[in-house]
Amino acid sequence: MDFKKYKVILTGLATYLPGFNHYINRVRKHPTISAKYCYTVWLRHLIKAYNNNLSTNPEIIAELGPGSSIGVGLAALISGAEKYYAFDLTKLTSLEKNIVVFDGLVELFKKNTNLAESKEFPRMTPYLDYYEFPHHILTSERLKNTLNEERLEKIRNSIMNPNNADSLIKYFAPWDGTNLIEKNTVDMIFSQAVLEHVENPEHVYKIQYDWLKNNGFMSHSIDFKSHGFHKEWDGHLTYTDFLWNIIKGRRNYSLNRISHSRQVSLIENAGFKLICEEKYTRKSNLKEKDYAKRFKALTYEDKNISESFILAQKF
C-alpha cells in the first residue's frame, strides 16, 4: 500500500477545512530563515551573472516568492542594490524574522564569508566551480561603500517601515500576478525554487519582461522534483489530472508540473533571449507505464531533469 499517496490525497481534501492552510504555512520549514542560506543564494546568482557577462551591480531588483523572510533581497541590498521589490502568493514573512536574518547577513558580508557548499545545502542550485567569497565582484572598495553604517541603518529602517515613501523595500503579498510596478524599471529579477509552483508561468514571464529595462535580465533556479507529493523524486508525474486536482485541493501553492523545455519555450515566447541554461539530471526510477497519460510524450531528457538554472535577458 502506498501510504505516501494516500497521505497527500487526504491532505489535499483537508485543505477545504477552515484554517488548515494557515496551519500548513505555520509548521512548514522554510530555508530563508537562515542568513547563510540567503547569503549563498544571492551570491550564487551574482556569480552566475558575472560568469555570463551580465551586470553584477543591479540597482533595482525584484524577487518572486521570497518565502518566510526577504533575506535574499536583503543580501542584494547589502551588496549594493538600491531598491528591492518582493512578490509572494501568501504573506509568510515577519518583521522579527527579517531583522534576525539581516543582522546575520551583515556579519557574513563583513567577514567576507565563503559561500555554503552543496554538503550544507544539498538541494540548492545553481552549482558553482568555486565557493570562495567573490572578491573580484564584491571588491573591498565596493563593500566599504555598501557596508557603511548610515547605509545599513537605512536598510534596517526600510525593514521596520516598508510602507514609508523612502523605503528601499516594497513587499507585495498576497500577489495575484497583477502588474504592480512601473514598466521598464527593473535591472534584475530572480527566484529560487519558485517557478515550478506558479500556476500561470506564461503570464508571469510576460510580466517580468514588462518590468525589466532593456538589457535587464532574470535569474531563476527551478526545481522539478515532487516536493514531497510522492515517494519518487519525479512521482508527481504519475498522477492523473483528476487525482492531481484532489491532491492540490485548496493549497496556497502546489506544483504546475511543467517540464524544463516548456519553461524555456515560455521564456523565449515572452521575448527573452536565453543567456545560460544549466540542466541538472537525476535518473528516474519510473517505467513508461507509470507516467500519467499527458506526461508519456515528454522527452527522455525532460523526464530526467530534476533542476535547472536559467539566465535570460531582455533586449
C-alpha atoms as a PDB file:
ATOM      1  CA  MET A   1       0.000   0.000   0.000  1.00  0.00           C
ATOM      2  CA  ASP A   2       1.352   3.427  -0.978  1.00  0.00           C
ATOM      3  CA  PHE A   3       0.882   5.353   2.275  1.00  0.00           C
ATOM      4  CA  LYS A   4       2.534   8.481   0.828  1.00  0.00           C
ATOM      5  CA  LYS A   5      -0.060   8.636  -1.943  1.00  0.00           C
ATOM      6  CA  TYR A   6      -2.968   8.344   0.491  1.00  0.00           C
ATOM      7  CA  LYS A   7      -1.415  10.922   2.799  1.00  0.00           C
ATOM      8  CA  VAL A   8      -1.146  13.597   0.095  1.00  0.00           C
ATOM      9  CA  ILE A   9      -4.701  12.858  -1.066  1.00  0.00           C
ATOM     10  CA  LEU A  10      -6.053  13.258   2.461  1.00  0.00           C
ATOM     11  CA  THR A  11      -4.038  16.443   2.930  1.00  0.00           C
ATOM     12  CA  GLY A  12      -5.498  17.828  -0.285  1.00  0.00           C
ATOM     13  CA  LEU A  13      -9.006  17.111   0.963  1.00  0.00           C
ATOM     14  CA  ALA A  14      -8.165  18.654   4.349  1.00  0.00           C
ATOM     15  CA  THR A  15      -7.273  21.960   2.694  1.00  0.00           C
ATOM     16  CA  TYR A  16     -11.009  22.589   2.349  1.00  0.00           C
ATOM     17  CA  LEU A  17     -11.252  22.761   6.151  1.00  0.00           C
ATOM     18  CA  PRO A  18     -11.142  26.304   7.608  1.00  0.00           C
ATOM     19  CA  GLY A  19      -7.689  27.229   8.901  1.00  0.00           C
ATOM     20  CA  PHE A  20      -5.862  24.182   7.532  1.00  0.00           C
ATOM     21  CA  ASN A  21      -3.759  26.107   5.008  1.00  0.00           C
ATOM     22  CA  HIS A  22      -2.738  28.548   7.727  1.00  0.00           C
ATOM     23  CA  TYR A  23      -1.615  25.592   9.837  1.00  0.00           C
ATOM     24  CA  ILE A  24       0.446  24.166   6.956  1.00  0.00           C
ATOM     25  CA  ASN A  25       2.192  27.503   6.409  1.00  0.00           C
ATOM     26  CA  ARG A  26       2.959  27.813  10.113  1.00  0.00           C
ATOM     27  CA  VAL A  27       4.550  24.376  10.546  1.00  0.00           C
ATOM     28  CA  ARG A  28       6.386  24.179   7.212  1.00  0.00           C
ATOM     29  CA  LYS A  29      10.131  24.695   7.466  1.00  0.00           C
ATOM     30  CA  HIS A  30      11.442  27.457   5.216  1.00  0.00           C
ATOM     31  CA  PRO A  31      15.188  27.729   4.477  1.00  0.00           C
ATOM     32  CA  THR A  32      15.063  31.514   4.041  1.00  0.00           C
ATOM     33  CA  ILE A  33      15.076  31.999   7.812  1.00  0.00           C
ATOM     34  CA  SER A  34      18.795  31.108   7.620  1.00  0.00           C
ATOM     35  CA  ALA A  35      21.114  34.046   6.917  1.00  0.00           C
ATOM     36  CA  LYS A  36      23.747  31.683   5.469  1.00  0.00           C
ATOM     37  CA  TYR A  37      21.184  30.208   3.087  1.00  0.00           C
ATOM     38  CA  CYS A  38      20.044  33.638   1.841  1.00  0.00           C
ATOM     39  CA  TYR A  39      23.636  34.861   1.556  1.00  0.00           C
ATOM     40  CA  THR A  40      24.616  31.832  -0.507  1.00  0.00           C
ATOM     41  CA  VAL A  41      21.576  32.010  -2.789  1.00  0.00           C
ATOM     42  CA  TRP A  42      22.239  35.645  -3.642  1.00  0.00           C
ATOM     43  CA  LEU A  43      25.952  35.192  -4.222  1.00  0.00           C
ATOM     44  CA  ARG A  44      25.372  32.147  -6.433  1.00  0.00           C
ATOM     45  CA  HIS A  45      23.038  34.195  -8.629  1.00  0.00           C
ATOM     46  CA  LEU A  46      25.534  37.077  -8.636  1.00  0.00           C
ATOM     47  CA  ILE A  47      28.462  34.835  -9.595  1.00  0.00           C
ATOM     48  CA  LYS A  48      26.437  33.259 -12.400  1.00  0.00           C
ATOM     49  CA  ALA A  49      25.623  36.748 -13.703  1.00  0.00           C
ATOM     50  CA  TYR A  50      29.340  37.605 -13.680  1.00  0.00           C
ATOM     51  CA  ASN A  51      30.244  34.365 -15.462  1.00  0.00           C
ATOM     52  CA  ASN A  52      27.782  35.243 -18.230  1.00  0.00           C
ATOM     53  CA  ASN A  53      28.828  38.890 -18.671  1.00  0.00           C
ATOM     54  CA  LEU A  54      25.697  40.298 -17.053  1.00  0.00           C
ATOM     55  CA  SER A  55      25.520  43.145 -14.548  1.00  0.00           C
ATOM     56  CA  THR A  56      26.775  42.319 -11.063  1.00  0.00           C
ATOM     57  CA  ASN A  57      25.627  45.627  -9.626  1.00  0.00           C
ATOM     58  CA  PRO A  58      21.897  45.830 -10.384  1.00  0.00           C
ATOM     59  CA  GLU A  59      20.318  48.883  -8.763  1.00  0.00           C
ATOM     60  CA  ILE A  60      16.658  47.835  -8.855  1.00  0.00           C
ATOM     61  CA  ILE A  61      15.831  44.187  -8.247  1.00  0.00           C
ATOM     62  CA  ALA A  62      12.718  42.077  -7.825  1.00  0.00           C
ATOM     63  CA  GLU A  63      12.203  38.639  -6.300  1.00  0.00           C
ATOM     64  CA  LEU A  64       9.396  36.169  -6.859  1.00  0.00           C
ATOM     65  CA  GLY A  65       8.417  34.021  -3.882  1.00  0.00           C
ATOM     66  CA  PRO A  66      10.827  35.080  -1.120  1.00  0.00           C
ATOM     67  CA  GLY A  67       9.162  32.779   1.434  1.00  0.00           C
ATOM     68  CA  SER A  68       9.482  33.150   5.180  1.00  0.00           C
ATOM     69  CA  SER A  69      11.980  36.010   5.019  1.00  0.00           C
ATOM     70  CA  ILE A  70      13.133  38.545   2.456  1.00  0.00           C
ATOM     71  CA  GLY A  71      16.705  37.545   3.253  1.00  0.00           C
ATOM     72  CA  VAL A  72      17.911  37.033  -0.319  1.00  0.00           C
ATOM     73  CA  GLY A  73      16.693  40.508  -1.218  1.00  0.00           C
ATOM     74  CA  LEU A  74      18.365  41.909   1.898  1.00  0.00           C
ATOM     75  CA  ALA A  75      21.630  40.291   0.796  1.00  0.00           C
ATOM     76  CA  ALA A  76      21.229  42.060  -2.540  1.00  0.00           C
ATOM     77  CA  LEU A  77      20.629  45.403  -0.807  1.00  0.00           C
ATOM     78  CA  ILE A  78      23.628  44.935   1.480  1.00  0.00           C
ATOM     79  CA  SER A  79      25.837  44.222  -1.542  1.00  0.00           C
ATOM     80  CA  GLY A  80      24.752  47.354  -3.402  1.00  0.00           C
ATOM     81  CA  ALA A  81      21.187  47.247  -4.750  1.00  0.00           C
ATOM     82  CA  GLU A  82      19.158  50.412  -4.141  1.00  0.00           C
ATOM     83  CA  LYS A  83      15.575  49.106  -4.401  1.00  0.00           C
ATOM     84  CA  TYR A  84      14.011  45.690  -3.764  1.00  0.00           C
ATOM     85  CA  TYR A  85      10.552  44.500  -4.761  1.00  0.00           C
ATOM     86  CA  ALA A  86       9.249  41.220  -3.325  1.00  0.00           C
ATOM     87  CA  PHE A  87       6.188  39.368  -4.616  1.00  0.00           C
ATOM     88  CA  ASP A  88       4.620  36.384  -2.877  1.00  0.00           C
ATOM     89  CA  LEU A  89       1.373  34.470  -3.160  1.00  0.00           C
ATOM     90  CA  THR A  90       0.937  34.427   0.623  1.00  0.00           C
ATOM     91  CA  LYS A  91       2.464  36.569   3.354  1.00  0.00           C
ATOM     92  CA  LEU A  92       4.884  34.276   5.174  1.00  0.00           C
ATOM     93  CA  THR A  93       7.489  36.693   6.454  1.00  0.00           C
ATOM     94  CA  SER A  94       7.588  38.817   9.609  1.00  0.00           C
ATOM     95  CA  LEU A  95       9.492  41.815  10.930  1.00  0.00           C
ATOM     96  CA  GLU A  96      11.228  39.717  13.592  1.00  0.00           C
ATOM     97  CA  LYS A  97      12.499  37.119  11.110  1.00  0.00           C
ATOM     98  CA  ASN A  98      13.771  39.751   8.698  1.00  0.00           C
ATOM     99  CA  ILE A  99      15.706  41.672  11.352  1.00  0.00           C
ATOM    100  CA  VAL A 100      17.402  38.493  12.609  1.00  0.00           C
ATOM    101  CA  VAL A 101      18.350  37.460   9.065  1.00  0.00           C
ATOM    102  CA  PHE A 102      19.552  40.982   8.245  1.00  0.00           C
ATOM    103  CA  ASP A 103      21.889  41.094  11.247  1.00  0.00           C
ATOM    104  CA  GLY A 104      23.291  37.692  10.293  1.00  0.00           C
ATOM    105  CA  LEU A 105      23.827  38.789   6.694  1.00  0.00           C
ATOM    106  CA  VAL A 106      25.720  41.917   7.717  1.00  0.00           C
ATOM    107  CA  GLU A 107      28.178  39.806   9.711  1.00  0.00           C
ATOM    108  CA  LEU A 108      28.662  37.379   6.815  1.00  0.00           C
ATOM    109  CA  PHE A 109      29.458  40.206   4.402  1.00  0.00           C
ATOM    110  CA  LYS A 110      31.755  41.985   6.857  1.00  0.00           C
ATOM    111  CA  LYS A 111      33.756  38.765   7.278  1.00  0.00           C
ATOM    112  CA  ASN A 112      33.818  38.015   3.527  1.00  0.00           C
ATOM    113  CA  THR A 113      32.488  34.584   4.400  1.00  0.00           C
ATOM    114  CA  ASN A 114      32.736  31.836   1.799  1.00  0.00           C
ATOM    115  CA  LEU A 115      29.523  30.525   0.291  1.00  0.00           C
ATOM    116  CA  ALA A 116      27.928  27.377   1.658  1.00  0.00           C
ATOM    117  CA  GLU A 117      28.734  24.329  -0.459  1.00  0.00           C
ATOM    118  CA  SER A 118      26.404  21.551  -1.541  1.00  0.00           C
ATOM    119  CA  LYS A 119      27.047  19.463   1.562  1.00  0.00           C
ATOM    120  CA  GLU A 120      25.481  22.236   3.692  1.00  0.00           C
ATOM    121  CA  PHE A 121      22.539  22.932   1.377  1.00  0.00           C
ATOM    122  CA  PRO A 122      22.408  19.848  -0.877  1.00  0.00           C
ATOM    123  CA  ARG A 123      19.206  20.879  -2.661  1.00  0.00           C
ATOM    124  CA  MET A 124      20.437  24.342  -3.636  1.00  0.00           C
ATOM    125  CA  THR A 125      21.213  25.159  -7.237  1.00  0.00           C
ATOM    126  CA  PRO A 126      22.903  26.532  -9.254  1.00  0.00           C
ATOM    127  CA  TYR A 127      26.148  24.726  -8.573  1.00  0.00           C
ATOM    128  CA  LEU A 128      29.436  26.598  -8.834  1.00  0.00           C
ATOM    129  CA  ASP A 129      33.015  25.722  -9.717  1.00  0.00           C
ATOM    130  CA  TYR A 130      34.188  27.501  -6.568  1.00  0.00           C
ATOM    131  CA  TYR A 131      32.575  28.651  -3.327  1.00  0.00           C
ATOM    132  CA  GLU A 132      35.092  31.218  -2.112  1.00  0.00           C
ATOM    133  CA  PHE A 133      33.923  34.753  -1.430  1.00  0.00           C
ATOM    134  CA  PRO A 134      33.804  36.586  -4.799  1.00  0.00           C
ATOM    135  CA  HIS A 135      36.351  39.344  -4.138  1.00  0.00           C
ATOM    136  CA  HIS A 136      36.515  40.021  -7.889  1.00  0.00           C
ATOM    137  CA  ILE A 137      32.845  41.105  -7.769  1.00  0.00           C
ATOM    138  CA  LEU A 138      32.451  42.477  -4.255  1.00  0.00           C
ATOM    139  CA  THR A 139      35.721  44.350  -4.020  1.00  0.00           C
ATOM    140  CA  SER A 140      36.944  45.920  -0.799  1.00  0.00           C
ATOM    141  CA  GLU A 141      36.140  49.358  -2.238  1.00  0.00           C
ATOM    142  CA  ARG A 142      32.591  48.332  -3.117  1.00  0.00           C
ATOM    143  CA  LEU A 143      31.979  46.780   0.299  1.00  0.00           C
ATOM    144  CA  LYS A 144      33.405  49.844   2.016  1.00  0.00           C
ATOM    145  CA  ASN A 145      30.595  51.835   0.419  1.00  0.00           C
ATOM    146  CA  THR A 146      27.786  49.316   0.792  1.00  0.00           C
ATOM    147  CA  LEU A 147      28.584  48.389   4.397  1.00  0.00           C
ATOM    148  CA  ASN A 148      28.869  51.889   5.807  1.00  0.00           C
ATOM    149  CA  GLU A 149      26.733  52.308   8.911  1.00  0.00           C
ATOM    150  CA  GLU A 150      24.494  55.028   7.508  1.00  0.00           C
ATOM    151  CA  ARG A 151      23.532  52.823   4.565  1.00  0.00           C
ATOM    152  CA  LEU A 152      22.950  49.756   6.750  1.00  0.00           C
ATOM    153  CA  GLU A 153      20.730  51.825   9.021  1.00  0.00           C
ATOM    154  CA  LYS A 154      18.701  52.910   6.005  1.00  0.00           C
ATOM    155  CA  ILE A 155      18.148  49.255   5.064  1.00  0.00           C
ATOM    156  CA  ARG A 156      17.196  48.428   8.646  1.00  0.00           C
ATOM    157  CA  ASN A 157      14.688  51.299   8.704  1.00  0.00           C
ATOM    158  CA  SER A 158      13.238  50.015   5.434  1.00  0.00           C
ATOM    159  CA  ILE A 159      12.699  46.599   7.040  1.00  0.00           C
ATOM    160  CA  MET A 160      10.996  48.218  10.006  1.00  0.00           C
ATOM    161  CA  ASN A 161       8.889  50.610   7.899  1.00  0.00           C
ATOM    162  CA  PRO A 162       8.393  49.091   4.432  1.00  0.00           C
ATOM    163  CA  ASN A 163       5.377  51.303   3.711  1.00  0.00           C
ATOM    164  CA  ASN A 164       7.304  54.550   4.078  1.00  0.00           C
ATOM    165  CA  ALA A 165       7.734  56.508   0.860  1.00  0.00           C
ATOM    166  CA  ASP A 166      11.538  56.400   1.126  1.00  0.00           C
ATOM    167  CA  SER A 167      11.732  52.667   1.931  1.00  0.00           C
ATOM    168  CA  LEU A 168      14.162  50.605  -0.152  1.00  0.00           C
ATOM    169  CA  ILE A 169      11.794  47.629   0.196  1.00  0.00           C
ATOM    170  CA  LYS A 170       8.355  47.039  -1.282  1.00  0.00           C
ATOM    171  CA  TYR A 171       6.705  43.752  -0.292  1.00  0.00           C
ATOM    172  CA  PHE A 172       3.548  42.606  -2.077  1.00  0.00           C
ATOM    173  CA  ALA A 173       1.638  39.671  -0.545  1.00  0.00           C
ATOM    174  CA  PRO A 174      -0.724  38.259  -1.415  1.00  0.00           C
ATOM    175  CA  TRP A 175       0.234  38.855  -5.047  1.00  0.00           C
ATOM    176  CA  ASP A 176      -2.134  37.590  -7.731  1.00  0.00           C
ATOM    177  CA  GLY A 177       0.072  38.207 -10.746  1.00  0.00           C
ATOM    178  CA  THR A 178      -1.083  41.743 -11.430  1.00  0.00           C
ATOM    179  CA  ASN A 179       1.353  44.354 -12.681  1.00  0.00           C
ATOM    180  CA  LEU A 180       2.159  46.454  -9.616  1.00  0.00           C
ATOM    181  CA  ILE A 181       5.331  48.285 -10.624  1.00  0.00           C
ATOM    182  CA  GLU A 182       6.261  50.594 -13.461  1.00  0.00           C
ATOM    183  CA  LYS A 183       7.345  49.021 -16.734  1.00  0.00           C
ATOM    184  CA  ASN A 184      10.980  49.147 -17.890  1.00  0.00           C
ATOM    185  CA  THR A 185      12.343  49.989 -14.429  1.00  0.00           C
ATOM    186  CA  VAL A 186      13.931  46.796 -13.046  1.00  0.00           C
ATOM    187  CA  ASP A 187      17.525  45.655 -13.631  1.00  0.00           C
ATOM    188  CA  MET A 188      17.280  42.075 -12.370  1.00  0.00           C
ATOM    189  CA  ILE A 189      14.552  39.619 -11.346  1.00  0.00           C
ATOM    190  CA  PHE A 190      15.362  36.391  -9.546  1.00  0.00           C
ATOM    191  CA  SER A 191      13.761  33.421  -7.839  1.00  0.00           C
ATOM    192  CA  GLN A 192      14.886  30.294  -6.030  1.00  0.00           C
ATOM    193  CA  ALA A 193      12.748  27.161  -6.483  1.00  0.00           C
ATOM    194  CA  VAL A 194       9.589  29.171  -7.163  1.00  0.00           C
ATOM    195  CA  LEU A 195       8.611  28.928 -10.832  1.00  0.00           C
ATOM    196  CA  GLU A 196       7.657  25.266 -10.510  1.00  0.00           C
ATOM    197  CA  HIS A 197       4.811  26.460  -8.269  1.00  0.00           C
ATOM    198  CA  VAL A 198       3.413  29.241 -10.487  1.00  0.00           C
ATOM    199  CA  GLU A 199       0.039  28.287 -11.947  1.00  0.00           C
ATOM    200  CA  ASN A 200       0.302  30.628 -14.938  1.00  0.00           C
ATOM    201  CA  PRO A 201       4.007  30.887 -15.808  1.00  0.00           C
ATOM    202  CA  GLU A 202       3.307  32.261 -19.290  1.00  0.00           C
ATOM    203  CA  HIS A 203       1.667  35.326 -17.728  1.00  0.00           C
ATOM    204  CA  VAL A 204       4.395  35.700 -15.101  1.00  0.00           C
ATOM    205  CA  TYR A 205       7.189  35.622 -17.705  1.00  0.00           C
ATOM    206  CA  LYS A 206       5.398  38.312 -19.718  1.00  0.00           C
ATOM    207  CA  ILE A 207       5.077  40.491 -16.602  1.00  0.00           C
ATOM    208  CA  GLN A 208       8.791  40.074 -15.917  1.00  0.00           C
ATOM    209  CA  TYR A 209       9.558  41.135 -19.476  1.00  0.00           C
ATOM    210  CA  ASP A 210       7.447  44.269 -18.952  1.00  0.00           C
ATOM    211  CA  TRP A 211       9.169  45.114 -15.668  1.00  0.00           C
ATOM    212  CA  LEU A 212      12.726  44.789 -16.925  1.00  0.00           C
ATOM    213  CA  LYS A 213      14.697  47.555 -18.565  1.00  0.00           C
ATOM    214  CA  ASN A 214      16.360  46.864 -21.891  1.00  0.00           C
ATOM    215  CA  ASN A 215      19.429  44.694 -21.136  1.00  0.00           C
ATOM    216  CA  GLY A 216      17.856  43.744 -17.806  1.00  0.00           C
ATOM    217  CA  PHE A 217      17.806  40.057 -17.011  1.00  0.00           C
ATOM    218  CA  MET A 218      16.162  37.379 -14.928  1.00  0.00           C
ATOM    219  CA  SER A 219      17.914  34.632 -12.978  1.00  0.00           C
ATOM    220  CA  HIS A 220      15.859  31.611 -11.965  1.00  0.00           C
ATOM    221  CA  SER A 221      16.599  28.294 -10.278  1.00  0.00           C
ATOM    222  CA  ILE A 222      13.745  25.828 -10.916  1.00  0.00           C
ATOM    223  CA  ASP A 223      13.147  22.581  -9.019  1.00  0.00           C
ATOM    224  CA  PHE A 224      11.244  19.919 -10.981  1.00  0.00           C
ATOM    225  CA  LYS A 225      11.155  17.331  -8.201  1.00  0.00           C
ATOM    226  CA  SER A 226       7.988  16.114  -6.491  1.00  0.00           C
ATOM    227  CA  HIS A 227       8.376  18.286  -3.339  1.00  0.00           C
ATOM    228  CA  GLY A 228       7.032  15.548  -1.085  1.00  0.00           C
ATOM    229  CA  PHE A 229       3.957  14.803  -3.192  1.00  0.00           C
ATOM    230  CA  HIS A 230       5.325  11.321  -3.995  1.00  0.00           C
ATOM    231  CA  LYS A 231       7.991   8.971  -2.656  1.00  0.00           C
ATOM    232  CA  GLU A 232       9.833   9.119  -6.010  1.00  0.00           C
ATOM    233  CA  TRP A 233      11.579  12.379  -6.896  1.00  0.00           C
ATOM    234  CA  ASP A 234       9.504  12.600 -10.096  1.00  0.00           C
ATOM    235  CA  GLY A 235       6.467  10.665  -8.921  1.00  0.00           C
ATOM    236  CA  HIS A 236       4.132  13.654  -9.212  1.00  0.00           C
ATOM    237  CA  LEU A 237       4.129  12.919 -12.957  1.00  0.00           C
ATOM    238  CA  THR A 238       2.314   9.635 -12.317  1.00  0.00           C
ATOM    239  CA  TYR A 239      -0.865  11.305 -11.060  1.00  0.00           C
ATOM    240  CA  THR A 240      -3.757  11.808 -13.484  1.00  0.00           C
ATOM    241  CA  ASP A 241      -5.126  15.330 -13.756  1.00  0.00           C
ATOM    242  CA  PHE A 242      -8.230  14.247 -11.836  1.00  0.00           C
ATOM    243  CA  LEU A 243      -6.202  12.849  -8.942  1.00  0.00           C
ATOM    244  CA  TRP A 244      -3.784  15.780  -9.035  1.00  0.00           C
ATOM    245  CA  ASN A 245      -6.636  18.238  -8.604  1.00  0.00           C
ATOM    246  CA  ILE A 246      -7.728  16.332  -5.486  1.00  0.00           C
ATOM    247  CA  ILE A 247      -4.168  16.375  -4.141  1.00  0.00           C
ATOM    248  CA  LYS A 248      -3.831  20.117  -4.835  1.00  0.00           C
ATOM    249  CA  GLY A 249      -7.115  20.836  -3.106  1.00  0.00           C
ATOM    250  CA  ARG A 250      -7.097  24.443  -1.974  1.00  0.00           C
ATOM    251  CA  ARG A 251      -3.412  24.593  -1.096  1.00  0.00           C
ATOM    252  CA  ASN A 252      -1.902  28.037  -1.345  1.00  0.00           C
ATOM    253  CA  TYR A 253       0.556  26.573  -3.835  1.00  0.00           C
ATOM    254  CA  SER A 254       1.434  23.172  -5.248  1.00  0.00           C
ATOM    255  CA  LEU A 255       3.264  22.329  -8.496  1.00  0.00           C
ATOM    256  CA  ASN A 256       2.485  23.238 -12.089  1.00  0.00           C
ATOM    257  CA  ARG A 257       4.171  20.033 -13.394  1.00  0.00           C
ATOM    258  CA  ILE A 258       5.612  21.948 -16.365  1.00  0.00           C
ATOM    259  CA  SER A 259       8.780  20.485 -17.882  1.00  0.00           C
ATOM    260  CA  HIS A 260      12.091  22.272 -18.321  1.00  0.00           C
ATOM    261  CA  SER A 261      11.747  22.524 -22.104  1.00  0.00           C
ATOM    262  CA  ARG A 262       8.281  24.022 -21.714  1.00  0.00           C
ATOM    263  CA  GLN A 263       9.630  26.625 -19.258  1.00  0.00           C
ATOM    264  CA  VAL A 264      12.314  27.577 -21.788  1.00  0.00           C
ATOM    265  CA  SER A 265       9.728  27.825 -24.559  1.00  0.00           C
ATOM    266  CA  LEU A 266       7.569  30.164 -22.450  1.00  0.00           C
ATOM    267  CA  ILE A 267      10.599  32.330 -21.653  1.00  0.00           C
ATOM    268  CA  GLU A 268      11.526  32.702 -25.310  1.00  0.00           C
ATOM    269  CA  ASN A 269       7.911  33.302 -26.337  1.00  0.00           C
ATOM    270  CA  ALA A 270       7.777  36.173 -23.824  1.00  0.00           C
ATOM    271  CA  GLY A 271      10.580  37.872 -25.777  1.00  0.00           C
ATOM    272  CA  PHE A 272      13.670  36.920 -23.763  1.00  0.00           C
ATOM    273  CA  LYS A 273      16.987  35.756 -25.154  1.00  0.00           C
ATOM    274  CA  LEU A 274      18.333  32.725 -23.320  1.00  0.00           C
ATOM    275  CA  ILE A 275      21.810  33.517 -21.956  1.00  0.00           C
ATOM    276  CA  CYS A 276      22.514  30.497 -19.758  1.00  0.00           C
ATOM    277  CA  GLU A 277      20.758  27.152 -19.434  1.00  0.00           C
ATOM    278  CA  GLU A 278      22.098  24.629 -16.928  1.00  0.00           C
ATOM    279  CA  LYS A 279      20.291  21.303 -16.602  1.00  0.00           C
ATOM    280  CA  TYR A 280      20.832  19.016 -13.629  1.00  0.00           C
ATOM    281  CA  THR A 281      19.750  15.437 -14.187  1.00  0.00           C
ATOM    282  CA  ARG A 282      18.791  12.551 -11.955  1.00  0.00           C
ATOM    283  CA  LYS A 283      17.912   9.096 -13.215  1.00  0.00           C
ATOM    284  CA  SER A 284      14.233   8.277 -12.955  1.00  0.00           C
ATOM    285  CA  ASN A 285      13.069   5.010 -11.414  1.00  0.00           C
ATOM    286  CA  LEU A 286       9.718   5.269 -13.172  1.00  0.00           C
ATOM    287  CA  LYS A 287       8.777   2.975 -16.025  1.00  0.00           C
ATOM    288  CA  GLU A 288       6.946   4.203 -19.118  1.00  0.00           C
ATOM    289  CA  LYS A 289       3.659   2.735 -17.913  1.00  0.00           C
ATOM    290  CA  ASP A 290       3.904   4.686 -14.637  1.00  0.00           C
ATOM    291  CA  TYR A 291       3.534   8.142 -16.201  1.00  0.00           C
ATOM    292  CA  ALA A 292       0.123   9.782 -16.406  1.00  0.00           C
ATOM    293  CA  LYS A 293      -1.139   9.989 -19.982  1.00  0.00           C
ATOM    294  CA  ARG A 294      -0.184  13.592 -20.641  1.00  0.00           C
ATOM    295  CA  PHE A 295       3.402  13.072 -19.480  1.00  0.00           C
ATOM    296  CA  LYS A 296       4.146   9.993 -21.581  1.00  0.00           C
ATOM    297  CA  ALA A 297       5.166  12.209 -24.508  1.00  0.00           C
ATOM    298  CA  LEU A 298       7.878  14.016 -22.518  1.00  0.00           C
ATOM    299  CA  THR A 299      11.358  13.579 -23.951  1.00  0.00           C
ATOM    300  CA  TYR A 300      13.854  11.361 -22.162  1.00  0.00           C
ATOM    301  CA  GLU A 301      15.802  14.486 -21.191  1.00  0.00           C
ATOM    302  CA  ASP A 302      12.789  16.267 -19.690  1.00  0.00           C
ATOM    303  CA  LYS A 303      11.886  13.162 -17.694  1.00  0.00           C
ATOM    304  CA  ASN A 304      15.339  13.151 -16.120  1.00  0.00           C
ATOM    305  CA  ILE A 305      15.866  16.865 -15.408  1.00  0.00           C
ATOM    306  CA  SER A 306      15.469  17.398 -11.673  1.00  0.00           C
ATOM    307  CA  GLU A 307      16.556  21.055 -11.510  1.00  0.00           C
ATOM    308  CA  SER A 308      17.653  23.764 -13.896  1.00  0.00           C
ATOM    309  CA  PHE A 309      19.141  27.235 -13.771  1.00  0.00           C
ATOM    310  CA  ILE A 310      18.238  29.863 -16.348  1.00  0.00           C
ATOM    311  CA  LEU A 311      19.528  33.327 -17.188  1.00  0.00           C
ATOM    312  CA  ALA A 312      17.528  35.240 -19.793  1.00  0.00           C
ATOM    313  CA  GLN A 313      17.902  38.828 -20.963  1.00  0.00           C
ATOM    314  CA  LYS A 314      15.602  41.469 -22.422  1.00  0.00           C
ATOM    315  CA  PHE A 315      16.871  43.380 -25.444  1.00  0.00           C
END
